[in-house]
N, C-alpha and C. Protein backbone atom coordinates (compact mmCIF):
# COMPACT_ATOMS: atom_id res chain seq x y z
N MET A 1 106.92 91.76 104.29
CA MET A 1 107.96 91.27 104.18
C MET A 1 109.06 92.75 104.19
N THR A 2 110.16 92.82 104.16
CA THR A 2 111.34 94.12 104.26
C THR A 2 111.25 94.30 102.49
N GLN A 3 111.16 95.97 102.31
CA GLN A 3 111.58 96.12 100.93
C GLN A 3 112.72 96.01 100.73
N LEU A 4 113.03 95.43 99.56
CA LEU A 4 114.31 94.94 99.07
C LEU A 4 114.64 96.10 97.92
N PRO A 5 115.72 96.52 97.42
CA PRO A 5 116.53 97.26 96.52
C PRO A 5 116.02 96.37 95.48
N GLU A 6 116.00 96.96 93.90
CA GLU A 6 115.92 96.08 93.03
C GLU A 6 117.46 95.30 92.36
N THR A 7 118.48 95.97 92.66
CA THR A 7 119.75 95.46 92.31
C THR A 7 120.29 95.74 93.63
N GLY A 8 121.75 95.51 93.69
CA GLY A 8 122.55 95.66 94.90
C GLY A 8 123.06 94.21 95.41
N PHE A 9 123.63 94.58 96.70
CA PHE A 9 123.93 93.64 97.92
C PHE A 9 123.56 93.53 99.07
N LEU A 10 123.31 92.54 99.67
CA LEU A 10 122.78 92.97 101.37
C LEU A 10 123.64 91.90 101.87
N ARG A 11 124.22 92.70 102.94
CA ARG A 11 125.12 92.16 103.81
C ARG A 11 124.11 91.36 104.96
N LEU A 12 124.93 90.68 106.06
CA LEU A 12 124.19 89.16 106.61
C LEU A 12 123.19 89.92 107.76
N ARG A 13 123.58 91.17 108.21
CA ARG A 13 122.60 91.37 109.25
C ARG A 13 121.25 92.07 108.91
N GLN A 14 121.24 92.36 107.42
CA GLN A 14 119.90 92.75 106.52
C GLN A 14 119.22 91.66 106.37
N ILE A 15 119.79 90.30 106.37
CA ILE A 15 119.25 89.38 105.49
C ILE A 15 118.64 88.73 107.08
N LEU A 16 119.54 88.42 108.11
CA LEU A 16 119.07 88.06 109.25
C LEU A 16 118.05 88.88 109.98
N GLY A 17 118.56 89.71 109.89
CA GLY A 17 118.04 90.75 110.97
C GLY A 17 118.85 91.24 112.05
N ASN A 18 118.69 92.88 112.80
CA ASN A 18 119.64 92.54 114.24
C ASN A 18 118.73 93.47 114.91
N PRO A 19 118.18 92.99 115.92
CA PRO A 19 117.29 93.60 116.85
C PRO A 19 118.11 94.28 117.82
N ALA A 20 119.19 94.58 117.81
CA ALA A 20 120.22 95.21 118.61
C ALA A 20 120.25 96.61 118.31
N VAL A 21 120.17 96.75 116.92
CA VAL A 21 120.59 98.40 116.42
C VAL A 21 119.03 99.40 117.00
N ARG A 22 119.51 100.55 116.69
CA ARG A 22 117.92 101.34 117.03
C ARG A 22 118.20 102.06 115.44
N PRO A 23 116.87 102.24 114.62
CA PRO A 23 115.95 101.47 114.72
C PRO A 23 116.78 99.76 114.20
N PRO A 24 115.30 98.71 114.61
CA PRO A 24 115.80 97.37 114.51
C PRO A 24 115.84 97.20 113.22
N ILE A 25 116.70 95.98 113.02
CA ILE A 25 116.70 95.72 111.25
C ILE A 25 115.85 94.57 111.34
N PRO A 26 114.68 94.23 111.08
CA PRO A 26 113.94 93.02 110.46
C PRO A 26 114.21 92.14 109.72
N PRO A 27 114.46 90.87 109.72
CA PRO A 27 115.01 89.76 109.09
C PRO A 27 114.15 89.40 107.92
N ILE A 28 114.81 89.52 107.07
CA ILE A 28 114.06 88.49 105.63
C ILE A 28 114.10 87.10 105.83
N ILE A 29 114.96 86.66 106.16
CA ILE A 29 114.80 85.35 106.39
C ILE A 29 115.16 85.03 108.30
N PRO A 30 114.18 84.69 108.78
CA PRO A 30 114.12 84.87 110.30
C PRO A 30 115.17 83.34 111.06
N ILE A 31 116.01 83.09 110.67
CA ILE A 31 116.85 81.67 110.86
C ILE A 31 118.20 82.88 111.90
N GLY A 32 118.80 81.52 112.59
CA GLY A 32 120.43 81.90 113.15
C GLY A 32 121.87 82.11 112.36
N LYS A 33 122.25 82.58 112.67
CA LYS A 33 123.78 82.71 111.97
C LYS A 33 124.40 80.99 111.38
N SER A 34 124.27 80.58 112.70
CA SER A 34 124.93 79.03 112.41
C SER A 34 123.93 78.18 111.29
N ALA A 35 122.86 78.38 111.47
CA ALA A 35 121.83 77.54 110.58
C ALA A 35 122.03 78.63 109.09
N TRP A 36 121.82 79.66 108.78
CA TRP A 36 122.24 80.28 107.40
C TRP A 36 123.83 79.72 107.01
N TRP A 37 125.13 79.74 107.61
CA TRP A 37 126.34 79.49 107.06
C TRP A 37 126.35 77.80 106.74
N GLN A 38 125.18 77.01 107.90
CA GLN A 38 125.27 75.54 107.19
C GLN A 38 124.36 75.57 106.20
N GLY A 39 123.17 76.04 105.74
CA GLY A 39 122.44 75.98 104.44
C GLY A 39 123.39 76.49 103.34
N ILE A 40 124.45 77.46 103.55
CA ILE A 40 125.26 77.63 102.58
C ILE A 40 126.31 76.75 102.37
N LYS A 41 126.65 75.87 103.31
CA LYS A 41 127.40 74.50 102.78
C LYS A 41 126.56 73.35 102.50
N ASP A 42 125.46 73.79 102.57
CA ASP A 42 124.87 72.62 101.98
C ASP A 42 124.20 72.65 100.71
N GLY A 43 124.09 73.96 100.07
CA GLY A 43 123.84 74.26 99.13
C GLY A 43 122.05 74.99 98.96
N ARG A 44 121.80 74.73 100.12
CA ARG A 44 120.22 75.47 100.27
C ARG A 44 120.31 77.00 99.87
N PHE A 45 121.35 77.84 100.38
CA PHE A 45 121.12 79.11 100.74
C PHE A 45 122.23 79.72 99.57
N PRO A 46 121.84 80.61 99.27
CA PRO A 46 123.19 81.20 97.77
C PRO A 46 124.53 81.57 98.79
N LYS A 47 125.53 81.27 97.75
CA LYS A 47 126.70 81.39 98.50
C LYS A 47 126.82 83.27 98.44
N PRO A 48 128.12 83.61 98.92
CA PRO A 48 128.36 85.18 99.30
C PRO A 48 129.30 85.55 97.96
N VAL A 49 129.08 86.76 97.78
CA VAL A 49 130.12 87.30 97.37
C VAL A 49 131.34 88.43 97.70
N LYS A 50 132.47 87.96 97.54
CA LYS A 50 133.44 88.67 98.44
C LYS A 50 133.99 89.92 97.95
N LEU A 51 133.50 90.99 98.78
CA LEU A 51 133.64 92.30 98.06
C LEU A 51 135.03 92.98 98.53
N GLY A 52 135.78 92.41 99.68
CA GLY A 52 136.98 93.12 99.93
C GLY A 52 137.65 91.92 101.17
N PRO A 53 138.91 91.87 101.73
CA PRO A 53 139.07 90.94 102.42
C PRO A 53 138.50 90.61 103.57
N ARG A 54 137.71 91.43 104.00
CA ARG A 54 137.09 90.97 105.24
C ARG A 54 135.57 91.24 104.98
N THR A 55 135.15 91.11 103.56
CA THR A 55 133.60 91.73 103.86
C THR A 55 132.78 90.82 102.21
N VAL A 56 131.90 90.60 102.79
CA VAL A 56 130.99 89.53 102.20
C VAL A 56 129.57 89.78 102.14
N ALA A 57 128.92 89.62 100.95
CA ALA A 57 127.41 89.93 100.84
C ALA A 57 126.98 89.24 99.83
N TRP A 58 125.47 89.44 99.88
CA TRP A 58 124.65 88.67 98.99
C TRP A 58 123.68 89.20 97.78
N ARG A 59 123.98 89.06 96.40
CA ARG A 59 123.10 89.58 95.17
C ARG A 59 121.97 89.56 95.85
N VAL A 60 121.21 90.82 95.65
CA VAL A 60 119.50 90.80 95.83
C VAL A 60 118.85 90.00 95.02
N GLN A 61 119.58 89.84 93.77
CA GLN A 61 118.44 88.70 93.17
C GLN A 61 118.68 87.73 93.58
N ASP A 62 119.48 87.13 94.30
CA ASP A 62 119.76 85.80 94.95
C ASP A 62 118.77 85.91 95.73
N ILE A 63 118.41 86.74 96.93
CA ILE A 63 117.92 86.60 98.08
C ILE A 63 116.43 86.87 97.55
N ARG A 64 115.98 87.04 96.66
CA ARG A 64 114.70 87.32 95.70
C ARG A 64 113.94 86.01 95.65
N ALA A 65 115.47 85.32 94.98
CA ALA A 65 115.00 84.15 94.45
C ALA A 65 114.82 82.69 95.60
N LEU A 66 115.74 82.98 96.73
CA LEU A 66 115.25 82.57 97.97
C LEU A 66 114.05 82.46 98.22
N CYS A 67 113.68 83.74 98.72
CA CYS A 67 112.54 83.68 99.74
C CYS A 67 111.50 83.30 98.43
N ALA A 68 111.36 83.50 97.05
CA ALA A 68 110.27 82.95 95.98
C ALA A 68 110.30 81.60 96.11
N SER A 69 111.12 80.72 96.60
CA SER A 69 111.38 79.53 96.40
C SER A 69 110.75 78.79 97.67
N MET A 70 111.11 79.77 98.82
CA MET A 70 110.53 79.45 100.05
C MET A 70 109.13 79.01 100.06
N PRO A 71 108.41 77.75 101.03
CA PRO A 71 107.42 77.99 101.37
C PRO A 71 106.75 78.77 101.97
N SER A 72 105.72 79.74 101.76
CA SER A 72 105.33 80.97 102.35
C SER A 72 104.32 80.29 103.95
N SER A 73 104.62 81.04 104.96
CA SER A 73 104.03 80.57 106.05
C SER A 73 102.74 81.16 106.02
N ASN A 74 102.08 81.65 105.36
CA ASN A 74 100.68 82.28 105.46
C ASN A 74 99.72 81.10 104.80
N PRO A 75 98.66 80.82 105.76
CA PRO A 75 97.68 80.21 105.13
C PRO A 75 97.29 80.61 103.51
């Protein structure tokens, strides 16, 4: 898993990854944007924090908690 900072905020591309940039950003949670936003709507994923008129981000501690609650894919 990607090393997360202790505190702060993460943007969507940091959570879902972005293979188009150099160097590529690996996903923390490997799902698509539509599935992510649907999960927020359904209450499965944390809600974003509005940082500006066109900027949203997620608290690192919320993403850590989400990762801890997800079943591991490793046997």
